[in-house]
Amino acid sequence: MTSAVSVRGLWKRFGQQVAVAGIDLELPAGKFIGLVGPNGAGKTTTLSMVTGLL
């Protein structure tokens, strides 16, 4: 299986607030995925970092 995206140990802080802590993520090429979680869990921050927007 070929990976379209592979991320290891992703972290993001806003001041003292940790938004994303140590995420490992591997997305297979040609597949649809969903990222689910409660409000404030860091979903948008994670996707913004992976796509280079943040």
N, C-alpha and C. Protein backbone atom coordinates (compact mmCIF):
# COMPACT_ATOMS: atom_id res chain seq x y z
N MET A 1 0.85 -1.18 0.00
CA MET A 1 0.00 0.00 0.00
C MET A 1 0.89 1.24 0.00
N THR A 2 0.59 2.17 -0.88
CA THR A 2 1.32 3.42 -0.98
C THR A 2 0.65 4.48 -0.12
N SER A 3 1.45 5.22 0.64
CA SER A 3 0.92 6.29 1.48
C SER A 3 0.92 7.61 0.72
N ALA A 4 -0.19 8.33 0.80
CA ALA A 4 -0.26 9.67 0.24
C ALA A 4 0.34 10.68 1.21
N VAL A 5 0.13 10.44 2.52
CA VAL A 5 0.64 11.31 3.57
C VAL A 5 1.11 10.43 4.72
N SER A 6 2.26 10.77 5.27
CA SER A 6 2.78 10.08 6.44
C SER A 6 3.34 11.13 7.40
N VAL A 7 2.83 11.14 8.63
CA VAL A 7 3.23 12.13 9.63
C VAL A 7 3.58 11.38 10.91
N ARG A 8 4.66 11.77 11.56
CA ARG A 8 5.08 11.16 12.82
C ARG A 8 5.38 12.25 13.84
N GLY A 9 4.78 12.14 15.02
CA GLY A 9 5.08 13.04 16.13
C GLY A 9 4.67 14.49 15.91
N LEU A 10 3.50 14.72 15.36
CA LEU A 10 3.02 16.08 15.07
C LEU A 10 2.58 16.78 16.37
N TRP A 11 3.12 17.97 16.61
CA TRP A 11 2.79 18.78 17.79
C TRP A 11 2.47 20.21 17.37
N LYS A 12 1.57 20.86 18.12
CA LYS A 12 1.28 22.28 17.91
C LYS A 12 0.86 22.90 19.23
N ARG A 13 1.45 24.04 19.54
CA ARG A 13 1.09 24.83 20.73
C ARG A 13 0.65 26.22 20.30
N PHE A 14 -0.28 26.76 21.05
CA PHE A 14 -0.64 28.17 20.94
C PHE A 14 -0.35 28.76 22.31
N GLY A 15 0.83 29.36 22.47
CA GLY A 15 1.25 29.82 23.79
C GLY A 15 1.47 28.62 24.70
N GLN A 16 0.80 28.61 25.85
CA GLN A 16 0.91 27.48 26.79
C GLN A 16 -0.07 26.36 26.47
N GLN A 17 -1.04 26.62 25.58
CA GLN A 17 -2.08 25.64 25.26
C GLN A 17 -1.59 24.67 24.18
N VAL A 18 -1.56 23.38 24.51
CA VAL A 18 -1.21 22.35 23.53
C VAL A 18 -2.46 22.00 22.75
N ALA A 19 -2.42 22.20 21.43
CA ALA A 19 -3.58 21.92 20.58
C ALA A 19 -3.51 20.51 19.99
N VAL A 20 -2.31 20.06 19.65
CA VAL A 20 -2.09 18.74 19.06
C VAL A 20 -0.85 18.16 19.73
N ALA A 21 -0.95 16.92 20.20
CA ALA A 21 0.15 16.33 20.96
C ALA A 21 0.56 14.97 20.42
N GLY A 22 1.65 14.95 19.67
CA GLY A 22 2.27 13.70 19.26
C GLY A 22 1.46 12.80 18.35
N ILE A 23 0.84 13.35 17.33
CA ILE A 23 0.00 12.55 16.43
C ILE A 23 0.85 11.84 15.39
N ASP A 24 0.57 10.55 15.20
CA ASP A 24 1.12 9.77 14.09
C ASP A 24 -0.03 9.50 13.14
N LEU A 25 0.18 9.73 11.86
CA LEU A 25 -0.90 9.63 10.89
C LEU A 25 -0.35 9.10 9.57
N GLU A 26 -1.02 8.09 9.03
CA GLU A 26 -0.65 7.57 7.72
C GLU A 26 -1.93 7.44 6.89
N LEU A 27 -1.97 8.14 5.76
CA LEU A 27 -3.14 8.15 4.91
C LEU A 27 -2.82 7.43 3.61
N PRO A 28 -3.55 6.35 3.30
CA PRO A 28 -3.27 5.61 2.07
C PRO A 28 -3.71 6.38 0.83
N ALA A 29 -2.97 6.22 -0.23
CA ALA A 29 -3.31 6.86 -1.50
C ALA A 29 -4.59 6.25 -2.06
N GLY A 30 -5.44 7.10 -2.64
CA GLY A 30 -6.65 6.63 -3.30
C GLY A 30 -7.79 6.26 -2.39
N LYS A 31 -7.72 6.61 -1.11
CA LYS A 31 -8.77 6.26 -0.15
C LYS A 31 -9.40 7.53 0.42
N PHE A 32 -10.66 7.43 0.81
CA PHE A 32 -11.33 8.49 1.53
C PHE A 32 -11.20 8.20 3.01
N ILE A 33 -10.95 9.23 3.81
CA ILE A 33 -10.85 9.05 5.25
C ILE A 33 -11.71 10.10 5.94
N GLY A 34 -12.01 9.86 7.19
CA GLY A 34 -12.73 10.82 8.01
C GLY A 34 -11.95 11.06 9.29
N LEU A 35 -11.94 12.27 9.76
CA LEU A 35 -11.29 12.63 11.02
C LEU A 35 -12.38 13.13 11.94
N VAL A 36 -12.68 12.37 12.98
CA VAL A 36 -13.78 12.71 13.87
C VAL A 36 -13.27 12.88 15.29
N GLY A 37 -13.99 13.69 16.06
CA GLY A 37 -13.65 13.93 17.45
C GLY A 37 -14.49 15.08 17.97
N PRO A 38 -14.45 15.30 19.28
CA PRO A 38 -15.25 16.37 19.88
C PRO A 38 -14.72 17.75 19.51
N ASN A 39 -15.54 18.77 19.75
CA ASN A 39 -15.12 20.16 19.54
C ASN A 39 -13.85 20.43 20.33
N GLY A 40 -12.91 21.13 19.72
CA GLY A 40 -11.68 21.50 20.40
C GLY A 40 -10.64 20.40 20.48
N ALA A 41 -10.83 19.31 19.75
CA ALA A 41 -9.90 18.17 19.82
C ALA A 41 -8.66 18.37 18.96
N GLY A 42 -8.66 19.34 18.05
CA GLY A 42 -7.50 19.61 17.21
C GLY A 42 -7.61 19.09 15.79
N LYS A 43 -8.82 18.75 15.36
CA LYS A 43 -9.02 18.22 14.00
C LYS A 43 -8.63 19.23 12.93
N THR A 44 -9.14 20.43 13.02
CA THR A 44 -8.85 21.47 12.03
C THR A 44 -7.38 21.88 12.09
N THR A 45 -6.83 21.99 13.28
CA THR A 45 -5.41 22.32 13.43
C THR A 45 -4.54 21.26 12.78
N THR A 46 -4.86 19.99 13.01
CA THR A 46 -4.10 18.89 12.42
C THR A 46 -4.14 18.94 10.90
N LEU A 47 -5.34 19.07 10.33
CA LEU A 47 -5.45 19.12 8.88
C LEU A 47 -4.77 20.36 8.30
N SER A 48 -4.84 21.48 9.00
CA SER A 48 -4.16 22.70 8.54
C SER A 48 -2.65 22.51 8.51
N MET A 49 -2.09 21.84 9.51
CA MET A 49 -0.65 21.59 9.52
C MET A 49 -0.25 20.61 8.42
N VAL A 50 -1.02 19.56 8.23
CA VAL A 50 -0.70 18.55 7.22
C VAL A 50 -0.74 19.15 5.82
N THR A 51 -1.67 20.06 5.57
CA THR A 51 -1.79 20.67 4.25
C THR A 51 -0.90 21.90 4.07
N GLY A 52 -0.18 22.29 5.12
CA GLY A 52 0.75 23.41 5.03
C GLY A 52 0.13 24.77 5.23
N LEU A 53 -1.09 24.82 5.72
CA LEU A 53 -1.76 26.10 5.95
C LEU A 53 -1.39 26.72 7.29
N LEU A 54 -0.82 25.95 8.20
CA LEU A 54 -0.49 26.45 9.53
C LEU A 54 0.94 26.11 9.86
